[in-house]
Amino acid sequence: MRGTGCLRWLGTGLLGVGLVWAGLPGGAALAAAGVPALPPARSAPASPSAQPGVKLDRDAALKRGRQLVTWFYAQQLDPVWAAFLPMARANFGGDITAFRAYRASGVKTYGRETRLLSEDVQEQDGVTYYLRTATFERGPRVEWTVAFGLDGSGRVVNFGILGGTQAAPELGAAGRSVLP
C-alpha cells in the first residue's frame, strides 16, 4: 500500500462532512495513522427532488462527477455552487464568494491538473462519492483527491479535497475498480 501522506481537511472533516474511513480506499491505513473517523452521512439533507433510498448508479455518478470537476477546474463555479446543497455550502459559510476565493487560491498555488491517476465511485450511507485523484503542475509528486458526495439526483451533499506529500492510498478491501 502506498503511504497516506499529510491530509488536508476542508470544513468539518474529510470530504466536507460525514464520511467514515471504512468505505474509503486506504481507510485502514488512515485509521492506523490516527486520523479520526467521521460519523456516517445519514443526517445529510436530501435534495428536494431526491427520493429516499434513490442513489446514482456508477455511470451516472461518473458522468456527474466529471462534469462538476470540469466546471470546478475551469473556474466556472456558478453551476457547481448551484449543485451544492446547504450542507456543502456551509463549508464556505454559505457564500459563493468564499468558494470562489478557495478555488482561486488552489489555482494560484497548484496550477492545472497535469495527470489523472484514478477515478472511482463509492457509496457510503446513501451518498455516492465521485473521487478523482490527480497531480498538478506546481506539485507533480503530490497527489490530490477531489471528492463530490452526490445524492440520488446528483446534487452535492459533501465536497472536499484530500491531499498529501506522498502517494494517495490504494484501493482497500472494498475491491472497487479504478478507471484508467
Protein backbone atom coordinates (compact mmCIF):
# COMPACT_ATOMS: atom_id res chain seq x y z
CA MET A 1 0.00 0.00 0.00
CA ARG A 2 1.23 3.47 -0.82
CA GLY A 3 1.65 5.98 2.02
CA THR A 4 -1.14 8.26 3.11
CA GLY A 5 0.94 11.39 3.45
CA CYS A 6 -0.31 14.55 5.08
CA LEU A 7 -4.06 15.09 4.88
CA ARG A 8 -5.67 18.41 4.09
CA TRP A 9 -9.06 18.95 5.69
CA LEU A 10 -11.91 21.10 4.47
CA GLY A 11 -14.75 22.29 6.63
CA THR A 12 -15.71 19.91 9.37
CA GLY A 13 -13.82 16.90 8.10
CA LEU A 14 -12.58 14.79 5.26
CA LEU A 15 -14.60 15.45 2.13
CA GLY A 16 -16.70 18.00 3.92
CA VAL A 17 -18.92 16.17 6.37
CA GLY A 18 -19.86 12.64 7.22
CA LEU A 19 -17.57 10.11 5.57
CA VAL A 20 -16.24 7.19 7.59
CA TRP A 21 -12.89 5.60 6.79
CA ALA A 22 -14.20 2.05 6.40
CA GLY A 23 -15.55 2.59 2.90
CA LEU A 24 -12.67 4.64 1.55
CA PRO A 25 -9.57 3.45 -0.27
CA GLY A 26 -6.82 3.02 2.32
CA GLY A 27 -9.25 3.56 5.17
CA ALA A 28 -7.49 1.14 7.49
CA ALA A 29 -4.19 2.94 6.95
CA LEU A 30 -5.81 6.30 7.67
CA ALA A 31 -7.33 4.97 10.86
CA ALA A 32 -4.00 3.40 11.87
CA ALA A 33 -2.29 6.76 11.28
CA GLY A 34 -4.58 8.26 13.92
CA VAL A 35 -6.79 10.24 11.55
CA PRO A 36 -10.18 10.33 13.27
CA ALA A 37 -13.17 8.72 11.60
CA LEU A 38 -16.21 10.83 10.95
CA PRO A 39 -19.84 9.93 11.54
CA PRO A 40 -21.73 8.46 8.59
CA ALA A 41 -23.69 10.83 6.38
CA ARG A 42 -27.11 9.57 7.50
CA SER A 43 -28.08 13.07 8.58
CA ALA A 44 -27.28 14.60 5.21
CA PRO A 45 -30.25 16.53 3.90
CA ALA A 46 -31.67 15.17 0.69
CA SER A 47 -32.33 17.48 -2.18
CA PRO A 48 -35.97 18.44 -2.64
CA SER A 49 -36.18 16.35 -5.81
CA ALA A 50 -34.43 13.28 -4.40
CA GLN A 51 -36.49 10.28 -3.40
CA PRO A 52 -35.49 8.49 -0.20
CA GLY A 53 -33.33 5.45 -0.92
CA VAL A 54 -32.60 6.50 -4.51
CA LYS A 55 -28.91 6.69 -5.40
CA LEU A 56 -26.96 7.31 -8.56
CA ASP A 57 -25.68 4.33 -10.46
CA ARG A 58 -21.96 4.16 -11.23
CA ASP A 59 -22.21 5.53 -14.78
CA ALA A 60 -24.42 8.45 -13.75
CA ALA A 61 -22.10 9.28 -10.84
CA LEU A 62 -19.04 9.21 -13.12
CA LYS A 63 -20.76 11.47 -15.65
CA ARG A 64 -21.95 13.91 -12.98
CA GLY A 65 -18.63 13.92 -11.13
CA ARG A 66 -16.69 14.55 -14.32
CA GLN A 67 -18.98 17.45 -15.23
CA LEU A 68 -18.61 19.03 -11.77
CA VAL A 69 -14.81 18.65 -11.86
CA THR A 70 -14.66 20.12 -15.37
CA TRP A 71 -16.54 23.21 -14.20
CA PHE A 72 -14.51 23.40 -10.98
CA TYR A 73 -11.17 23.21 -12.81
CA ALA A 74 -12.32 25.79 -15.40
CA GLN A 75 -13.41 28.09 -12.55
CA GLN A 76 -16.98 28.03 -13.85
CA LEU A 77 -18.24 27.94 -10.29
CA ASP A 78 -21.85 29.08 -10.68
CA PRO A 79 -23.13 25.66 -11.85
CA VAL A 80 -21.03 23.89 -9.21
CA TRP A 81 -22.42 26.15 -6.49
CA ALA A 82 -25.95 25.65 -7.82
CA ALA A 83 -25.47 21.88 -7.35
CA PHE A 84 -24.32 22.31 -3.72
CA LEU A 85 -26.92 21.58 -1.07
CA PRO A 86 -26.82 23.70 2.12
CA MET A 87 -24.56 21.17 3.89
CA ALA A 88 -21.89 21.53 1.18
CA ARG A 89 -22.30 25.30 1.05
CA ALA A 90 -21.83 25.52 4.82
CA ASN A 91 -18.15 24.63 4.38
CA PHE A 92 -17.79 28.05 2.75
CA GLY A 93 -20.05 29.93 5.14
CA GLY A 94 -22.88 29.66 2.61
CA ASP A 95 -21.05 32.25 0.49
CA ILE A 96 -20.11 31.72 -3.16
CA THR A 97 -17.50 34.47 -2.78
CA ALA A 98 -15.65 32.30 -0.27
CA PHE A 99 -15.94 29.33 -2.64
CA ARG A 100 -14.52 31.44 -5.48
CA ALA A 101 -11.63 32.57 -3.26
CA TYR A 102 -10.94 28.95 -2.27
CA ARG A 103 -10.78 27.87 -5.91
CA ALA A 104 -8.66 30.87 -6.98
CA SER A 105 -6.20 30.09 -4.20
CA GLY A 106 -5.94 26.48 -5.39
CA VAL A 107 -5.28 27.55 -8.98
CA LYS A 108 -2.62 30.02 -7.87
CA THR A 109 -0.92 27.56 -5.53
CA TYR A 110 -1.14 24.30 -7.50
CA GLY A 111 -1.88 25.20 -11.12
CA ARG A 112 -3.71 22.96 -13.54
CA GLU A 113 -4.20 19.21 -13.41
CA THR A 114 -1.37 17.51 -15.28
CA ARG A 115 -2.05 13.82 -14.75
CA LEU A 116 -5.19 11.91 -13.88
CA LEU A 117 -4.19 8.96 -11.71
CA SER A 118 -7.56 7.43 -10.91
CA GLU A 119 -11.29 7.90 -10.71
CA ASP A 120 -13.59 5.92 -8.52
CA VAL A 121 -17.18 5.85 -7.37
CA GLN A 122 -18.03 4.60 -3.90
CA GLU A 123 -21.28 4.54 -1.95
CA GLN A 124 -21.47 5.25 1.77
CA ASP A 125 -24.73 5.51 3.71
CA GLY A 126 -26.83 6.58 0.74
CA VAL A 127 -24.31 9.10 -0.59
CA THR A 128 -22.45 8.29 -3.81
CA TYR A 129 -18.90 9.66 -3.85
CA TYR A 130 -17.08 10.56 -7.05
CA LEU A 131 -13.33 10.51 -6.26
CA ARG A 132 -10.74 11.87 -8.70
CA THR A 133 -7.03 11.63 -7.87
CA ALA A 134 -4.53 13.64 -9.90
CA THR A 135 -1.28 15.57 -9.82
CA PHE A 136 -0.89 19.27 -10.60
CA GLU A 137 1.72 21.39 -12.33
CA ARG A 138 3.18 23.05 -9.22
CA GLY A 139 3.45 19.81 -7.28
CA PRO A 140 3.78 16.90 -9.69
CA ARG A 141 4.75 14.44 -6.95
CA VAL A 142 1.81 15.30 -4.71
CA GLU A 143 -1.50 13.56 -5.33
CA TRP A 144 -4.78 15.31 -4.59
CA THR A 145 -8.21 13.71 -4.49
CA VAL A 146 -11.22 15.85 -5.31
CA ALA A 147 -14.41 14.34 -3.92
CA PHE A 148 -18.03 15.14 -4.60
CA GLY A 149 -20.62 13.38 -2.42
CA LEU A 150 -23.79 13.14 -4.52
CA ASP A 151 -27.38 12.45 -3.56
CA GLY A 152 -29.76 10.44 -5.74
CA SER A 153 -30.45 13.39 -8.03
CA GLY A 154 -26.80 14.38 -8.48
CA ARG A 155 -26.86 17.29 -6.03
CA VAL A 156 -23.70 17.79 -3.94
CA VAL A 157 -24.09 16.83 -0.29
CA ASN A 158 -20.36 16.79 0.53
CA PHE A 159 -17.32 18.31 -1.15
CA GLY A 160 -13.69 18.21 -0.26
CA ILE A 161 -10.10 17.88 -1.36
CA LEU A 162 -7.72 15.43 0.24
CA GLY A 163 -4.01 15.57 -0.44
CA GLY A 164 -0.62 14.60 0.80
CA THR A 165 3.10 14.69 0.21
CA GLN A 166 3.14 11.01 -0.72
CA ALA A 167 1.01 8.92 -2.98
CA ALA A 168 -2.68 8.63 -2.18
CA PRO A 169 -3.86 5.35 -0.62
CA GLU A 170 -4.58 2.43 -2.91
CA LEU A 171 -7.99 0.84 -3.03
CA GLY A 172 -8.77 -1.10 0.08
CA ALA A 173 -10.66 -4.30 0.67
CA ALA A 174 -13.80 -2.85 -0.94
CA GLY A 175 -12.32 -4.06 -4.23
CA ARG A 176 -13.88 -1.37 -6.39
CA SER A 177 -12.14 -0.90 -9.71
CA VAL A 178 -10.19 2.22 -10.55
CA LEU A 179 -10.79 3.54 -14.03
CA PRO A 180 -7.79 4.46 -16.21
